[in-house]
Amino acid sequence: MTEEELQKNVDEAMANRPKRHNLEPFRDSSRTRKLRFWLNVIFMIGAIAGLIIYFKVDHDTAKYVLIISLVFKFVELFLRIFKI
């Protein structure tokens, strides 16, 4: 197979490939997106604080901080899965 034939086959394959639906624009409303963003920020701050508390202060207190931060993550997950 020559280089021209190979390039022609590649061009045909690229032209006939199916479109990927996961590249469509993000469909969440801006209100939900902002809410999910802030829920993620609260979760990340809580998780980092929980780890710092775990290693520096007290294990029991850190567990409560981590559980509370997980509540925010589960709310964000619920909003993302059910596309509210």
PDB file of N, CA and C in Angstrom:
ATOM      1  N   MET A   1       0.854  -1.157   0.000  1.00  0.00           N
ATOM      2  CA  MET A   1       0.000   0.000   0.000  1.00  0.00           C
ATOM      3  C   MET A   1       0.909   1.231   0.000  1.00  0.00           C
ATOM      4  N   THR A   2       0.628   2.123  -0.904  1.00  0.00           N
ATOM      5  CA  THR A   2       1.453   3.328  -0.986  1.00  0.00           C
ATOM      6  C   THR A   2       1.037   4.338   0.074  1.00  0.00           C
ATOM      7  N   GLU A   3       1.847   5.348   0.213  1.00  0.00           N
ATOM      8  CA  GLU A   3       1.571   6.370   1.221  1.00  0.00           C
ATOM      9  C   GLU A   3       0.312   7.162   0.874  1.00  0.00           C
ATOM     10  N   GLU A   4       0.079   7.376  -0.423  1.00  0.00           N
ATOM     11  CA  GLU A   4      -1.131   8.103  -0.852  1.00  0.00           C
ATOM     12  C   GLU A   4      -2.395   7.305  -0.533  1.00  0.00           C
ATOM     13  N   GLU A   5      -2.370   6.006  -0.796  1.00  0.00           N
ATOM     14  CA  GLU A   5      -3.521   5.161  -0.485  1.00  0.00           C
ATOM     15  C   GLU A   5      -3.767   5.115   1.023  1.00  0.00           C
ATOM     16  N   LEU A   6      -2.711   5.036   1.780  1.00  0.00           N
ATOM     17  CA  LEU A   6      -2.839   5.021   3.224  1.00  0.00           C
ATOM     18  C   LEU A   6      -3.453   6.327   3.737  1.00  0.00           C
ATOM     19  N   GLN A   7      -2.982   7.444   3.213  1.00  0.00           N
ATOM     20  CA  GLN A   7      -3.529   8.739   3.625  1.00  0.00           C
ATOM     21  C   GLN A   7      -4.990   8.872   3.209  1.00  0.00           C
ATOM     22  N   LYS A   8      -5.338   8.347   2.042  1.00  0.00           N
ATOM     23  CA  LYS A   8      -6.721   8.384   1.578  1.00  0.00           C
ATOM     24  C   LYS A   8      -7.616   7.572   2.511  1.00  0.00           C
ATOM     25  N   ASN A   9      -7.155   6.396   2.925  1.00  0.00           N
ATOM     26  CA  ASN A   9      -7.922   5.560   3.854  1.00  0.00           C
ATOM     27  C   ASN A   9      -8.097   6.247   5.206  1.00  0.00           C
ATOM     28  N   VAL A  10      -7.061   6.887   5.666  1.00  0.00           N
ATOM     29  CA  VAL A  10      -7.146   7.603   6.946  1.00  0.00           C
ATOM     30  C   VAL A  10      -8.142   8.748   6.831  1.00  0.00           C
ATOM     31  N   ASP A  11      -8.083   9.499   5.746  1.00  0.00           N
ATOM     32  CA  ASP A  11      -9.011  10.616   5.543  1.00  0.00           C
ATOM     33  C   ASP A  11     -10.458  10.131   5.473  1.00  0.00           C
ATOM     34  N   GLU A  12     -10.700   9.017   4.796  1.00  0.00           N
ATOM     35  CA  GLU A  12     -12.051   8.458   4.706  1.00  0.00           C
ATOM     36  C   GLU A  12     -12.536   7.999   6.080  1.00  0.00           C
ATOM     37  N   ALA A  13     -11.664   7.377   6.838  1.00  0.00           N
ATOM     38  CA  ALA A  13     -12.047   6.910   8.168  1.00  0.00           C
ATOM     39  C   ALA A  13     -12.367   8.087   9.089  1.00  0.00           C
ATOM     40  N   MET A  14     -11.609   9.146   8.991  1.00  0.00           N
ATOM     41  CA  MET A  14     -11.862  10.319   9.823  1.00  0.00           C
ATOM     42  C   MET A  14     -13.160  11.012   9.423  1.00  0.00           C
ATOM     43  N   ALA A  15     -13.486  10.998   8.146  1.00  0.00           N
ATOM     44  CA  ALA A  15     -14.705  11.655   7.680  1.00  0.00           C
ATOM     45  C   ALA A  15     -15.950  10.866   8.075  1.00  0.00           C
ATOM     46  N   ASN A  16     -15.831   9.558   8.194  1.00  0.00           N
ATOM     47  CA  ASN A  16     -16.984   8.706   8.469  1.00  0.00           C
ATOM     48  C   ASN A  16     -17.124   8.304   9.933  1.00  0.00           C
ATOM     49  N   ARG A  17     -16.292   8.819  10.799  1.00  0.00           N
ATOM     50  CA  ARG A  17     -16.374   8.405  12.204  1.00  0.00           C
ATOM     51  C   ARG A  17     -17.607   9.023  12.866  1.00  0.00           C
ATOM     52  N   PRO A  18     -18.190   8.318  13.823  1.00  0.00           N
ATOM     53  CA  PRO A  18     -19.387   8.836  14.493  1.00  0.00           C
ATOM     54  C   PRO A  18     -19.041   9.994  15.419  1.00  0.00           C
ATOM     55  N   LYS A  19     -20.020  10.867  15.609  1.00  0.00           N
ATOM     56  CA  LYS A  19     -19.817  11.987  16.522  1.00  0.00           C
ATOM     57  C   LYS A  19     -19.902  11.483  17.956  1.00  0.00           C
ATOM     58  N   ARG A  20     -19.114  12.066  18.813  1.00  0.00           N
ATOM     59  CA  ARG A  20     -19.115  11.688  20.224  1.00  0.00           C
ATOM     60  C   ARG A  20     -20.039  12.627  20.974  1.00  0.00           C
ATOM     61  N   HIS A  21     -20.987  12.046  21.678  1.00  0.00           N
ATOM     62  CA  HIS A  21     -21.974  12.855  22.380  1.00  0.00           C
ATOM     63  C   HIS A  21     -21.417  13.474  23.654  1.00  0.00           C
ATOM     64  N   ASN A  22     -20.358  12.908  24.193  1.00  0.00           N
ATOM     65  CA  ASN A  22     -19.828  13.465  25.429  1.00  0.00           C
ATOM     66  C   ASN A  22     -19.063  14.760  25.198  1.00  0.00           C
ATOM     67  N   LEU A  23     -18.899  15.164  23.953  1.00  0.00           N
ATOM     68  CA  LEU A  23     -18.243  16.430  23.656  1.00  0.00           C
ATOM     69  C   LEU A  23     -19.247  17.560  23.481  1.00  0.00           C
ATOM     70  N   GLU A  24     -20.522  17.269  23.671  1.00  0.00           N
ATOM     71  CA  GLU A  24     -21.525  18.318  23.586  1.00  0.00           C
ATOM     72  C   GLU A  24     -21.321  19.307  24.723  1.00  0.00           C
ATOM     73  N   PRO A  25     -21.783  20.523  24.566  1.00  0.00           N
ATOM     74  CA  PRO A  25     -21.638  21.493  25.663  1.00  0.00           C
ATOM     75  C   PRO A  25     -22.324  21.014  26.929  1.00  0.00           C
ATOM     76  N   PHE A  26     -21.810  21.474  28.036  1.00  0.00           N
ATOM     77  CA  PHE A  26     -22.344  21.109  29.342  1.00  0.00           C
ATOM     78  C   PHE A  26     -23.789  21.570  29.432  1.00  0.00           C
ATOM     79  N   ARG A  27     -24.702  20.691  29.820  1.00  0.00           N
ATOM     80  CA  ARG A  27     -26.129  20.982  29.741  1.00  0.00           C
ATOM     81  C   ARG A  27     -26.746  21.516  31.030  1.00  0.00           C
ATOM     82  N   ASP A  28     -25.995  21.599  32.094  1.00  0.00           N
ATOM     83  CA  ASP A  28     -26.569  22.108  33.335  1.00  0.00           C
ATOM     84  C   ASP A  28     -26.912  23.579  33.205  1.00  0.00           C
ATOM     85  N   SER A  29     -27.954  23.980  33.921  1.00  0.00           N
ATOM     86  CA  SER A  29     -28.265  25.397  33.955  1.00  0.00           C
ATOM     87  C   SER A  29     -27.173  26.106  34.744  1.00  0.00           C
ATOM     88  N   SER A  30     -27.012  27.384  34.509  1.00  0.00           N
ATOM     89  CA  SER A  30     -25.946  28.113  35.188  1.00  0.00           C
ATOM     90  C   SER A  30     -26.173  28.126  36.697  1.00  0.00           C
ATOM     91  N   ARG A  31     -27.429  28.132  37.146  1.00  0.00           N
ATOM     92  CA  ARG A  31     -27.714  28.113  38.582  1.00  0.00           C
ATOM     93  C   ARG A  31     -27.223  26.816  39.205  1.00  0.00           C
ATOM     94  N   THR A  32     -27.510  25.691  38.576  1.00  0.00           N
ATOM     95  CA  THR A  32     -27.074  24.403  39.107  1.00  0.00           C
ATOM     96  C   THR A  32     -25.564  24.275  39.047  1.00  0.00           C
ATOM     97  N   ARG A  33     -24.964  24.758  37.995  1.00  0.00           N
ATOM     98  CA  ARG A  33     -23.517  24.664  37.851  1.00  0.00           C
ATOM     99  C   ARG A  33     -22.820  25.457  38.953  1.00  0.00           C
ATOM    100  N   LYS A  34     -23.315  26.657  39.218  1.00  0.00           N
ATOM    101  CA  LYS A  34     -22.720  27.472  40.279  1.00  0.00           C
ATOM    102  C   LYS A  34     -22.899  26.809  41.643  1.00  0.00           C
ATOM    103  N   LEU A  35     -24.074  26.262  41.879  1.00  0.00           N
ATOM    104  CA  LEU A  35     -24.334  25.584  43.143  1.00  0.00           C
ATOM    105  C   LEU A  35     -23.421  24.374  43.304  1.00  0.00           C
ATOM    106  N   ARG A  36     -23.293  23.583  42.255  1.00  0.00           N
ATOM    107  CA  ARG A  36     -22.414  22.409  42.312  1.00  0.00           C
ATOM    108  C   ARG A  36     -20.961  22.816  42.523  1.00  0.00           C
ATOM    109  N   PHE A  37     -20.558  23.906  41.886  1.00  0.00           N
ATOM    110  CA  PHE A  37     -19.191  24.404  42.060  1.00  0.00           C
ATOM    111  C   PHE A  37     -18.927  24.739  43.522  1.00  0.00           C
ATOM    112  N   TRP A  38     -19.850  25.485  44.141  1.00  0.00           N
ATOM    113  CA  TRP A  38     -19.646  25.881  45.530  1.00  0.00           C
ATOM    114  C   TRP A  38     -19.753  24.700  46.481  1.00  0.00           C
ATOM    115  N   LEU A  39     -20.600  23.735  46.169  1.00  0.00           N
ATOM    116  CA  LEU A  39     -20.655  22.524  47.000  1.00  0.00           C
ATOM    117  C   LEU A  39     -19.337  21.762  46.932  1.00  0.00           C
ATOM    118  N   ASN A  40     -18.722  21.718  45.750  1.00  0.00           N
ATOM    119  CA  ASN A  40     -17.420  21.065  45.609  1.00  0.00           C
ATOM    120  C   ASN A  40     -16.331  21.821  46.361  1.00  0.00           C
ATOM    121  N   VAL A  41     -16.394  23.150  46.308  1.00  0.00           N
ATOM    122  CA  VAL A  41     -15.404  23.951  47.034  1.00  0.00           C
ATOM    123  C   VAL A  41     -15.517  23.691  48.541  1.00  0.00           C
ATOM    124  N   ILE A  42     -16.743  23.689  49.053  1.00  0.00           N
ATOM    125  CA  ILE A  42     -16.956  23.418  50.484  1.00  0.00           C
ATOM    126  C   ILE A  42     -16.456  22.020  50.835  1.00  0.00           C
ATOM    127  N   PHE A  43     -16.732  21.047  49.974  1.00  0.00           N
ATOM    128  CA  PHE A  43     -16.260  19.683  50.211  1.00  0.00           C
ATOM    129  C   PHE A  43     -14.738  19.627  50.262  1.00  0.00           C
ATOM    130  N   MET A  44     -14.072  20.265  49.308  1.00  0.00           N
ATOM    131  CA  MET A  44     -12.605  20.214  49.263  1.00  0.00           C
ATOM    132  C   MET A  44     -11.985  20.898  50.480  1.00  0.00           C
ATOM    133  N   ILE A  45     -12.533  22.040  50.867  1.00  0.00           N
ATOM    134  CA  ILE A  45     -12.016  22.728  52.058  1.00  0.00           C
ATOM    135  C   ILE A  45     -12.234  21.861  53.294  1.00  0.00           C
ATOM    136  N   GLY A  46     -13.410  21.259  53.401  1.00  0.00           N
ATOM    137  CA  GLY A  46     -13.689  20.381  54.537  1.00  0.00           C
ATOM    138  C   GLY A  46     -12.790  19.159  54.556  1.00  0.00           C
ATOM    139  N   ALA A  47     -12.525  18.589  53.385  1.00  0.00           N
ATOM    140  CA  ALA A  47     -11.664  17.403  53.323  1.00  0.00           C
ATOM    141  C   ALA A  47     -10.232  17.748  53.721  1.00  0.00           C
ATOM    142  N   ILE A  48      -9.740  18.875  53.241  1.00  0.00           N
ATOM    143  CA  ILE A  48      -8.379  19.285  53.601  1.00  0.00           C
ATOM    144  C   ILE A  48      -8.301  19.597  55.098  1.00  0.00           C
ATOM    145  N   ALA A  49      -9.301  20.318  55.602  1.00  0.00           N
ATOM    146  CA  ALA A  49      -9.321  20.629  57.033  1.00  0.00           C
ATOM    147  C   ALA A  49      -9.405  19.345  57.854  1.00  0.00           C
ATOM    148  N   GLY A  50     -10.213  18.395  57.414  1.00  0.00           N
ATOM    149  CA  GLY A  50     -10.331  17.125  58.128  1.00  0.00           C
ATOM    150  C   GLY A  50      -9.025  16.364  58.180  1.00  0.00           C
ATOM    151  N   LEU A  51      -8.286  16.372  57.065  1.00  0.00           N
ATOM    152  CA  LEU A  51      -6.987  15.683  57.067  1.00  0.00           C
ATOM    153  C   LEU A  51      -5.984  16.379  57.978  1.00  0.00           C
ATOM    154  N   ILE A  52      -5.990  17.709  57.953  1.00  0.00           N
ATOM    155  CA  ILE A  52      -5.076  18.437  58.837  1.00  0.00           C
ATOM    156  C   ILE A  52      -5.414  18.155  60.292  1.00  0.00           C
ATOM    157  N   ILE A  53      -6.692  18.204  60.617  1.00  0.00           N
ATOM    158  CA  ILE A  53      -7.112  17.924  61.991  1.00  0.00           C
ATOM    159  C   ILE A  53      -6.767  16.488  62.379  1.00  0.00           C
ATOM    160  N   TYR A  54      -6.939  15.563  61.442  1.00  0.00           N
ATOM    161  CA  TYR A  54      -6.651  14.152  61.715  1.00  0.00           C
ATOM    162  C   TYR A  54      -5.189  13.945  62.110  1.00  0.00           C
ATOM    163  N   PHE A  55      -4.283  14.579  61.365  1.00  0.00           N
ATOM    164  CA  PHE A  55      -2.863  14.351  61.623  1.00  0.00           C
ATOM    165  C   PHE A  55      -2.288  15.262  62.704  1.00  0.00           C
ATOM    166  N   LYS A  56      -2.933  16.395  62.973  1.00  0.00           N
ATOM    167  CA  LYS A  56      -2.349  17.343  63.925  1.00  0.00           C
ATOM    168  C   LYS A  56      -3.058  17.371  65.278  1.00  0.00           C
ATOM    169  N   VAL A  57      -4.387  17.149  65.309  1.00  0.00           N
ATOM    170  CA  VAL A  57      -5.122  17.396  66.550  1.00  0.00           C
ATOM    171  C   VAL A  57      -5.731  16.116  67.102  1.00  0.00           C
ATOM    172  N   ASP A  58      -6.870  15.716  66.509  1.00  0.00           N
ATOM    173  CA  ASP A  58      -7.647  14.640  67.122  1.00  0.00           C
ATOM    174  C   ASP A  58      -8.322  13.814  66.037  1.00  0.00           C
ATOM    175  N   HIS A  59      -8.289  12.512  66.180  1.00  0.00           N
ATOM    176  CA  HIS A  59      -8.884  11.632  65.180  1.00  0.00           C
ATOM    177  C   HIS A  59     -10.409  11.699  65.194  1.00  0.00           C
ATOM    178  N   ASP A  60     -11.008  11.765  66.356  1.00  0.00           N
ATOM    179  CA  ASP A  60     -12.471  11.770  66.436  1.00  0.00           C
ATOM    180  C   ASP A  60     -13.061  13.043  65.831  1.00  0.00           C
ATOM    181  N   THR A  61     -12.477  14.179  66.137  1.00  0.00           N
ATOM    182  CA  THR A  61     -12.956  15.446  65.570  1.00  0.00           C
ATOM    183  C   THR A  61     -12.814  15.433  64.055  1.00  0.00           C
ATOM    184  N   ALA A  62     -11.714  14.894  63.577  1.00  0.00           N
ATOM    185  CA  ALA A  62     -11.479  14.834  62.133  1.00  0.00           C
ATOM    186  C   ALA A  62     -12.532  13.969  61.442  1.00  0.00           C
ATOM    187  N   LYS A  63     -12.933  12.897  62.080  1.00  0.00           N
ATOM    188  CA  LYS A  63     -13.967  12.042  61.495  1.00  0.00           C
ATOM    189  C   LYS A  63     -15.261  12.809  61.286  1.00  0.00           C
ATOM    190  N   TYR A  64     -15.632  13.628  62.271  1.00  0.00           N
ATOM    191  CA  TYR A  64     -16.860  14.411  62.141  1.00  0.00           C
ATOM    192  C   TYR A  64     -16.743  15.468  61.037  1.00  0.00           C
ATOM    193  N   VAL A  65     -15.590  16.098  60.940  1.00  0.00           N
ATOM    194  CA  VAL A  65     -15.380  17.099  59.888  1.00  0.00           C
ATOM    195  C   VAL A  65     -15.454  16.435  58.519  1.00  0.00           C
ATOM    196  N   LEU A  66     -14.842  15.280  58.375  1.00  0.00           N
ATOM    197  CA  LEU A  66     -14.869  14.570  57.097  1.00  0.00           C
ATOM    198  C   LEU A  66     -16.271  14.091  56.745  1.00  0.00           C
ATOM    199  N   ILE A  67     -17.022  13.633  57.714  1.00  0.00           N
ATOM    200  CA  ILE A  67     -18.400  13.190  57.452  1.00  0.00           C
ATOM    201  C   ILE A  67     -19.267  14.364  57.020  1.00  0.00           C
ATOM    202  N   ILE A  68     -19.091  15.500  57.676  1.00  0.00           N
ATOM    203  CA  ILE A  68     -19.865  16.686  57.284  1.00  0.00           C
ATOM    204  C   ILE A  68     -19.494  17.137  55.882  1.00  0.00           C
ATOM    205  N   SER A  69     -18.216  17.085  55.534  1.00  0.00           N
ATOM    206  CA  SER A  69     -17.826  17.483  54.180  1.00  0.00           C
ATOM    207  C   SER A  69     -18.340  16.484  53.141  1.00  0.00           C
ATOM    208  N   LEU A  70     -18.454  15.215  53.531  1.00  0.00           N
ATOM    209  CA  LEU A  70     -19.020  14.227  52.601  1.00  0.00           C
ATOM    210  C   LEU A  70     -20.497  14.477  52.319  1.00  0.00           C
ATOM    211  N   VAL A  71     -21.201  15.044  53.269  1.00  0.00           N
ATOM    212  CA  VAL A  71     -22.610  15.391  53.032  1.00  0.00           C
ATOM    213  C   VAL A  71     -22.717  16.375  51.876  1.00  0.00           C
ATOM    214  N   PHE A  72     -21.820  17.367  51.846  1.00  0.00           N
ATOM    215  CA  PHE A  72     -21.827  18.331  50.742  1.00  0.00           C
ATOM    216  C   PHE A  72     -21.523  17.646  49.415  1.00  0.00           C
ATOM    217  N   LYS A  73     -20.621  16.687  49.421  1.00  0.00           N
ATOM    218  CA  LYS A  73     -20.286  15.961  48.190  1.00  0.00           C
ATOM    219  C   LYS A  73     -21.462  15.109  47.719  1.00  0.00           C
ATOM    220  N   PHE A  74     -22.171  14.483  48.643  1.00  0.00           N
ATOM    221  CA  PHE A  74     -23.321  13.677  48.251  1.00  0.00           C
ATOM    222  C   PHE A  74     -24.450  14.540  47.683  1.00  0.00           C
ATOM    223  N   VAL A  75     -24.620  15.740  48.220  1.00  0.00           N
ATOM    224  CA  VAL A  75     -25.626  16.647  47.665  1.00  0.00           C
ATOM    225  C   VAL A  75     -25.231  17.027  46.238  1.00  0.00           C
ATOM    226  N   GLU A  76     -23.950  17.323  46.029  1.00  0.00           N
ATOM    227  CA  GLU A  76     -23.474  17.655  44.679  1.00  0.00           C
ATOM    228  C   GLU A  76     -23.656  16.473  43.736  1.00  0.00           C
ATOM    229  N   LEU A  77     -23.364  15.283  44.211  1.00  0.00           N
ATOM    230  CA  LEU A  77     -23.539  14.076  43.407  1.00  0.00           C
ATOM    231  C   LEU A  77     -25.000  13.878  43.029  1.00  0.00           C
ATOM    232  N   PHE A  78     -25.884  14.088  43.974  1.00  0.00           N
ATOM    233  CA  PHE A  78     -27.328  13.971  43.716  1.00  0.00           C
ATOM    234  C   PHE A  78     -27.748  14.961  42.627  1.00  0.00           C
ATOM    235  N   LEU A  79     -27.288  16.200  42.714  1.00  0.00           N
ATOM    236  CA  LEU A  79     -27.639  17.208  41.705  1.00  0.00           C
ATOM    237  C   LEU A  79     -27.079  16.835  40.332  1.00  0.00           C
ATOM    238  N   ARG A  80     -25.873  16.280  40.310  1.00  0.00           N
ATOM    239  CA  ARG A  80     -25.262  15.918  39.036  1.00  0.00           C
ATOM    240  C   ARG A  80     -25.950  14.725  38.402  1.00  0.00           C
ATOM    241  N   ILE A  81     -26.258  13.700  39.187  1.00  0.00           N
ATOM    242  CA  ILE A  81     -26.865  12.483  38.629  1.00  0.00           C
ATOM    243  C   ILE A  81     -28.289  12.739  38.148  1.00  0.00           C
ATOM    244  N   PHE A  82     -29.062  13.439  38.939  1.00  0.00           N
ATOM    245  CA  PHE A  82     -30.463  13.653  38.571  1.00  0.00           C
ATOM    246  C   PHE A  82     -30.688  14.914  37.758  1.00  0.00           C
ATOM    247  N   LYS A  83     -29.601  15.660  37.481  1.00  0.00           N
ATOM    248  CA  LYS A  83     -29.649  16.846  36.619  1.00  0.00           C
ATOM    249  C   LYS A  83     -30.762  17.804  37.010  1.00  0.00           C
ATOM    250  N   ILE A  84     -30.763  18.131  38.269  1.00  0.00           N
ATOM    251  CA  ILE A  84     -31.780  19.062  38.788  1.00  0.00           C
ATOM    252  C   ILE A  84     -31.370  20.474  38.491  1.00  0.00           C
TER     253      ILE A  84
END
